[in-house]
Structures are given as C-alpha cells and as structure tokens.
Amino acid sequence: MSSCLIPSNIAEGSGKRNKLQFAEFLSTSLTCTFELETQLLISERRGYGNKELNHYHW
C-alpha cells in the first residue's frame, strides 16, 4: 500500500525533532512513490482496473 505510506511517512517525519530525521522520512516517501509507480505500470500492463483510469502520464 504505497499510496498510504507516502503521506504517512511525511506526517511521521514532520513530528521528528530535527531536519535530518525529517529528511530521512521524506526520502522514504520518495522511494514509496517509485514503488507505487511500478505497481501502477504493472496493473496497466496486465489490464487491471478501468482503462480510462489507468492512463497515467509521467
């Protein structure tokens, strides 16, 4: 569930005490966006879901 992890990591990181810790959570969130992109591409190639909703432009 990468789509849930992205905002969750940002929210959790914003509660950290210093910028370095926050940056680590932002980095994790960025990594999750790549994971989500991969999952969307796989679902599109396999024909899952609504074809109109599966048309993403990166």
PDB file of N, CA and C in Angstrom:
ATOM      1  N   MET A   1       0.812  -1.179   0.000  1.00  0.00           N
ATOM      2  CA  MET A   1       0.000   0.000   0.000  1.00  0.00           C
ATOM      3  C   MET A   1       0.865   1.256   0.000  1.00  0.00           C
ATOM      4  N   SER A   2       1.605   1.402  -1.048  1.00  0.00           N
ATOM      5  CA  SER A   2       2.492   2.560  -1.165  1.00  0.00           C
ATOM      6  C   SER A   2       1.746   3.875  -1.098  1.00  0.00           C
ATOM      7  N   SER A   3       0.540   3.895  -1.662  1.00  0.00           N
ATOM      8  CA  SER A   3      -0.208   5.160  -1.689  1.00  0.00           C
ATOM      9  C   SER A   3      -0.518   5.663  -0.288  1.00  0.00           C
ATOM     10  N   CYS A   4      -0.665   4.766   0.674  1.00  0.00           N
ATOM     11  CA  CYS A   4      -0.907   5.175   2.063  1.00  0.00           C
ATOM     12  C   CYS A   4       0.391   5.524   2.783  1.00  0.00           C
ATOM     13  N   LEU A   5       1.457   4.848   2.398  1.00  0.00           N
ATOM     14  CA  LEU A   5       2.735   5.076   3.078  1.00  0.00           C
ATOM     15  C   LEU A   5       3.335   6.444   2.784  1.00  0.00           C
ATOM     16  N   ILE A   6       3.087   6.967   1.596  1.00  0.00           N
ATOM     17  CA  ILE A   6       3.700   8.247   1.218  1.00  0.00           C
ATOM     18  C   ILE A   6       3.294   9.363   2.177  1.00  0.00           C
ATOM     19  N   PRO A   7       1.998   9.673   2.319  1.00  0.00           N
ATOM     20  CA  PRO A   7       1.631  10.745   3.255  1.00  0.00           C
ATOM     21  C   PRO A   7       1.879  10.375   4.716  1.00  0.00           C
ATOM     22  N   SER A   8       1.798   9.080   5.033  1.00  0.00           N
ATOM     23  CA  SER A   8       2.050   8.653   6.418  1.00  0.00           C
ATOM     24  C   SER A   8       3.488   8.912   6.824  1.00  0.00           C
ATOM     25  N   ASN A   9       4.431   8.619   5.926  1.00  0.00           N
ATOM     26  CA  ASN A   9       5.840   8.877   6.233  1.00  0.00           C
ATOM     27  C   ASN A   9       6.125  10.368   6.354  1.00  0.00           C
ATOM     28  N   ILE A  10       5.497  11.165   5.516  1.00  0.00           N
ATOM     29  CA  ILE A  10       5.690  12.618   5.606  1.00  0.00           C
ATOM     30  C   ILE A  10       5.148  13.129   6.938  1.00  0.00           C
ATOM     31  N   ALA A  11       3.967  12.654   7.304  1.00  0.00           N
ATOM     32  CA  ALA A  11       3.377  13.086   8.575  1.00  0.00           C
ATOM     33  C   ALA A  11       4.229  12.659   9.762  1.00  0.00           C
ATOM     34  N   GLU A  12       4.691  11.402   9.732  1.00  0.00           N
ATOM     35  CA  GLU A  12       5.521  10.917  10.840  1.00  0.00           C
ATOM     36  C   GLU A  12       6.831  11.685  10.913  1.00  0.00           C
ATOM     37  N   GLY A  13       7.432  11.939   9.759  1.00  0.00           N
ATOM     38  CA  GLY A  13       8.697  12.669   9.730  1.00  0.00           C
ATOM     39  C   GLY A  13       8.563  14.099  10.213  1.00  0.00           C
ATOM     40  N   SER A  14       7.409  14.703   9.976  1.00  0.00           N
ATOM     41  CA  SER A  14       7.222  16.096  10.402  1.00  0.00           C
ATOM     42  C   SER A  14       7.201  16.227  11.918  1.00  0.00           C
ATOM     43  N   GLY A  15       6.980  15.123  12.595  1.00  0.00           N
ATOM     44  CA  GLY A  15       6.977  15.149  14.057  1.00  0.00           C
ATOM     45  C   GLY A  15       8.337  14.890  14.681  1.00  0.00           C
ATOM     46  N   LYS A  16       9.342  14.682  13.857  1.00  0.00           N
ATOM     47  CA  LYS A  16      10.688  14.424  14.386  1.00  0.00           C
ATOM     48  C   LYS A  16      11.338  15.713  14.864  1.00  0.00           C
ATOM     49  N   ARG A  17      12.361  15.545  15.657  1.00  0.00           N
ATOM     50  CA  ARG A  17      12.971  16.700  16.338  1.00  0.00           C
ATOM     51  C   ARG A  17      13.936  17.509  15.490  1.00  0.00           C
ATOM     52  N   ASN A  18      14.512  16.896  14.454  1.00  0.00           N
ATOM     53  CA  ASN A  18      15.471  17.671  13.664  1.00  0.00           C
ATOM     54  C   ASN A  18      15.273  17.427  12.174  1.00  0.00           C
ATOM     55  N   LYS A  19      15.896  18.277  11.379  1.00  0.00           N
ATOM     56  CA  LYS A  19      15.710  18.240   9.927  1.00  0.00           C
ATOM     57  C   LYS A  19      16.283  16.970   9.305  1.00  0.00           C
ATOM     58  N   LEU A  20      17.347  16.435   9.875  1.00  0.00           N
ATOM     59  CA  LEU A  20      17.947  15.219   9.328  1.00  0.00           C
ATOM     60  C   LEU A  20      16.978  14.043   9.434  1.00  0.00           C
ATOM     61  N   GLN A  21      16.333  13.907  10.574  1.00  0.00           N
ATOM     62  CA  GLN A  21      15.352  12.830  10.736  1.00  0.00           C
ATOM     63  C   GLN A  21      14.172  13.028   9.784  1.00  0.00           C
ATOM     64  N   PHE A  22      13.719  14.262   9.661  1.00  0.00           N
ATOM     65  CA  PHE A  22      12.621  14.559   8.743  1.00  0.00           C
ATOM     66  C   PHE A  22      13.019  14.219   7.312  1.00  0.00           C
ATOM     67  N   ALA A  23      14.247  14.551   6.931  1.00  0.00           N
ATOM     68  CA  ALA A  23      14.739  14.260   5.582  1.00  0.00           C
ATOM     69  C   ALA A  23      14.752  12.757   5.309  1.00  0.00           C
ATOM     70  N   GLU A  24      15.057  11.955   6.326  1.00  0.00           N
ATOM     71  CA  GLU A  24      15.050  10.501   6.152  1.00  0.00           C
ATOM     72  C   GLU A  24      13.642  10.005   5.820  1.00  0.00           C
ATOM     73  N   PHE A  25      12.631  10.572   6.461  1.00  0.00           N
ATOM     74  CA  PHE A  25      11.254  10.177   6.179  1.00  0.00           C
ATOM     75  C   PHE A  25      10.810  10.673   4.804  1.00  0.00           C
ATOM     76  N   LEU A  26      11.285  11.835   4.397  1.00  0.00           N
ATOM     77  CA  LEU A  26      10.987  12.327   3.056  1.00  0.00           C
ATOM     78  C   LEU A  26      11.617  11.423   2.002  1.00  0.00           C
ATOM     79  N   SER A  27      12.824  10.963   2.282  1.00  0.00           N
ATOM     80  CA  SER A  27      13.500  10.043   1.374  1.00  0.00           C
ATOM     81  C   SER A  27      12.729   8.730   1.248  1.00  0.00           C
ATOM     82  N   THR A  28      12.237   8.233   2.367  1.00  0.00           N
ATOM     83  CA  THR A  28      11.432   7.016   2.347  1.00  0.00           C
ATOM     84  C   THR A  28      10.156   7.242   1.545  1.00  0.00           C
ATOM     85  N   SER A  29       9.554   8.402   1.695  1.00  0.00           N
ATOM     86  CA  SER A  29       8.341   8.724   0.933  1.00  0.00           C
ATOM     87  C   SER A  29       8.620   8.756  -0.561  1.00  0.00           C
ATOM     88  N   LEU A  30       9.752   9.317  -0.936  1.00  0.00           N
ATOM     89  CA  LEU A  30      10.133   9.357  -2.348  1.00  0.00           C
ATOM     90  C   LEU A  30      10.307   7.944  -2.888  1.00  0.00           C
ATOM     91  N   THR A  31      10.945   7.091  -2.110  1.00  0.00           N
ATOM     92  CA  THR A  31      11.120   5.698  -2.511  1.00  0.00           C
ATOM     93  C   THR A  31       9.761   5.030  -2.719  1.00  0.00           C
ATOM     94  N   CYS A  32       8.806   5.341  -1.865  1.00  0.00           N
ATOM     95  CA  CYS A  32       7.453   4.778  -1.992  1.00  0.00           C
ATOM     96  C   CYS A  32       6.777   5.238  -3.275  1.00  0.00           C
ATOM     97  N   THR A  33       7.086   6.450  -3.743  1.00  0.00           N
ATOM     98  CA  THR A  33       6.476   6.920  -4.990  1.00  0.00           C
ATOM     99  C   THR A  33       6.961   6.081  -6.169  1.00  0.00           C
ATOM    100  N   PHE A  34       8.234   5.668  -6.138  1.00  0.00           N
ATOM    101  CA  PHE A  34       8.752   4.804  -7.201  1.00  0.00           C
ATOM    102  C   PHE A  34       8.093   3.429  -7.148  1.00  0.00           C
ATOM    103  N   GLU A  35       7.888   2.937  -5.949  1.00  0.00           N
ATOM    104  CA  GLU A  35       7.206   1.654  -5.778  1.00  0.00           C
ATOM    105  C   GLU A  35       5.770   1.741  -6.300  1.00  0.00           C
ATOM    106  N   LEU A  36       5.078   2.811  -5.974  1.00  0.00           N
ATOM    107  CA  LEU A  36       3.707   3.000  -6.432  1.00  0.00           C
ATOM    108  C   LEU A  36       3.654   3.108  -7.954  1.00  0.00           C
ATOM    109  N   GLU A  37       4.586   3.847  -8.531  1.00  0.00           N
ATOM    110  CA  GLU A  37       4.630   3.975  -9.988  1.00  0.00           C
ATOM    111  C   GLU A  37       4.787   2.600 -10.638  1.00  0.00           C
ATOM    112  N   THR A  38       5.657   1.776 -10.085  1.00  0.00           N
ATOM    113  CA  THR A  38       5.867   0.429 -10.609  1.00  0.00           C
ATOM    114  C   THR A  38       4.597  -0.403 -10.513  1.00  0.00           C
ATOM    115  N   GLN A  39       3.908  -0.321  -9.391  1.00  0.00           N
ATOM    116  CA  GLN A  39       2.662  -1.064  -9.215  1.00  0.00           C
ATOM    117  C   GLN A  39       1.600  -0.610 -10.215  1.00  0.00           C
ATOM    118  N   LEU A  40       1.525   0.687 -10.466  1.00  0.00           N
ATOM    119  CA  LEU A  40       0.558   1.204 -11.438  1.00  0.00           C
ATOM    120  C   LEU A  40       0.890   0.745 -12.854  1.00  0.00           C
ATOM    121  N   LEU A  41       2.166   0.745 -13.199  1.00  0.00           N
ATOM    122  CA  LEU A  41       2.581   0.289 -14.528  1.00  0.00           C
ATOM    123  C   LEU A  41       2.268  -1.192 -14.719  1.00  0.00           C
ATOM    124  N   ILE A  42       2.526  -1.984 -13.699  1.00  0.00           N
ATOM    125  CA  ILE A  42       2.224  -3.420 -13.772  1.00  0.00           C
ATOM    126  C   ILE A  42       0.726  -3.631 -13.944  1.00  0.00           C
ATOM    127  N   SER A  43      -0.082  -2.915 -13.167  1.00  0.00           N
ATOM    128  CA  SER A  43      -1.530  -3.088 -13.261  1.00  0.00           C
ATOM    129  C   SER A  43      -2.044  -2.647 -14.632  1.00  0.00           C
ATOM    130  N   GLU A  44      -1.460  -1.602 -15.180  1.00  0.00           N
ATOM    131  CA  GLU A  44      -1.864  -1.151 -16.505  1.00  0.00           C
ATOM    132  C   GLU A  44      -1.501  -2.196 -17.559  1.00  0.00           C
ATOM    133  N   ARG A  45      -0.291  -2.737 -17.494  1.00  0.00           N
ATOM    134  CA  ARG A  45       0.153  -3.734 -18.473  1.00  0.00           C
ATOM    135  C   ARG A  45      -0.653  -5.026 -18.392  1.00  0.00           C
ATOM    136  N   ARG A  46      -1.135  -5.348 -17.204  1.00  0.00           N
ATOM    137  CA  ARG A  46      -1.939  -6.561 -17.036  1.00  0.00           C
ATOM    138  C   ARG A  46      -3.421  -6.328 -17.295  1.00  0.00           C
ATOM    139  N   GLY A  47      -3.790  -5.078 -17.535  1.00  0.00           N
ATOM    140  CA  GLY A  47      -5.168  -4.757 -17.869  1.00  0.00           C
ATOM    141  C   GLY A  47      -6.107  -4.722 -16.678  1.00  0.00           C
ATOM    142  N   TYR A  48      -5.563  -4.488 -15.486  1.00  0.00           N
ATOM    143  CA  TYR A  48      -6.415  -4.406 -14.297  1.00  0.00           C
ATOM    144  C   TYR A  48      -7.103  -3.059 -14.232  1.00  0.00           C
ATOM    145  N   GLY A  49      -8.290  -3.032 -13.690  1.00  0.00           N
ATOM    146  CA  GLY A  49      -8.985  -1.774 -13.437  1.00  0.00           C
ATOM    147  C   GLY A  49      -9.609  -1.184 -14.682  1.00  0.00           C
ATOM    148  N   ASN A  50     -10.063   0.029 -14.549  1.00  0.00           N
ATOM    149  CA  ASN A  50     -10.708   0.779 -15.610  1.00  0.00           C
ATOM    150  C   ASN A  50      -9.634   1.372 -16.519  1.00  0.00           C
ATOM    151  N   LYS A  51      -9.713   1.093 -17.812  1.00  0.00           N
ATOM    152  CA  LYS A  51      -8.681   1.575 -18.734  1.00  0.00           C
ATOM    153  C   LYS A  51      -8.589   3.094 -18.760  1.00  0.00           C
ATOM    154  N   GLU A  52      -9.706   3.784 -18.579  1.00  0.00           N
ATOM    155  CA  GLU A  52      -9.680   5.250 -18.556  1.00  0.00           C
ATOM    156  C   GLU A  52      -8.906   5.750 -17.345  1.00  0.00           C
ATOM    157  N   LEU A  53      -9.016   5.056 -16.222  1.00  0.00           N
ATOM    158  CA  LEU A  53      -8.311   5.466 -15.015  1.00  0.00           C
ATOM    159  C   LEU A  53      -6.857   5.021 -15.014  1.00  0.00           C
ATOM    160  N   ASN A  54      -6.526   4.044 -15.839  1.00  0.00           N
ATOM    161  CA  ASN A  54      -5.157   3.520 -15.875  1.00  0.00           C
ATOM    162  C   ASN A  54      -4.240   4.314 -16.795  1.00  0.00           C
ATOM    163  N   HIS A  55      -4.728   5.357 -17.422  1.00  0.00           N
ATOM    164  CA  HIS A  55      -3.892   6.146 -18.335  1.00  0.00           C
ATOM    165  C   HIS A  55      -3.191   7.257 -17.566  1.00  0.00           C
ATOM    166  N   TYR A  56      -1.969   7.002 -17.153  1.00  0.00           N
ATOM    167  CA  TYR A  56      -1.178   7.988 -16.419  1.00  0.00           C
ATOM    168  C   TYR A  56      -0.091   8.529 -17.329  1.00  0.00           C
ATOM    169  N   HIS A  57       0.190   9.785 -17.201  1.00  0.00           N
ATOM    170  CA  HIS A  57       1.250  10.403 -17.994  1.00  0.00           C
ATOM    171  C   HIS A  57       2.353  10.847 -17.040  1.00  0.00           C
ATOM    172  N   TRP A  58       3.492  10.224 -17.135  1.00  0.00           N
ATOM    173  CA  TRP A  58       4.614  10.531 -16.231  1.00  0.00           C
ATOM    174  C   TRP A  58       5.489  11.523 -16.873  1.00  0.00           C
TER     175      TRP A  58
END
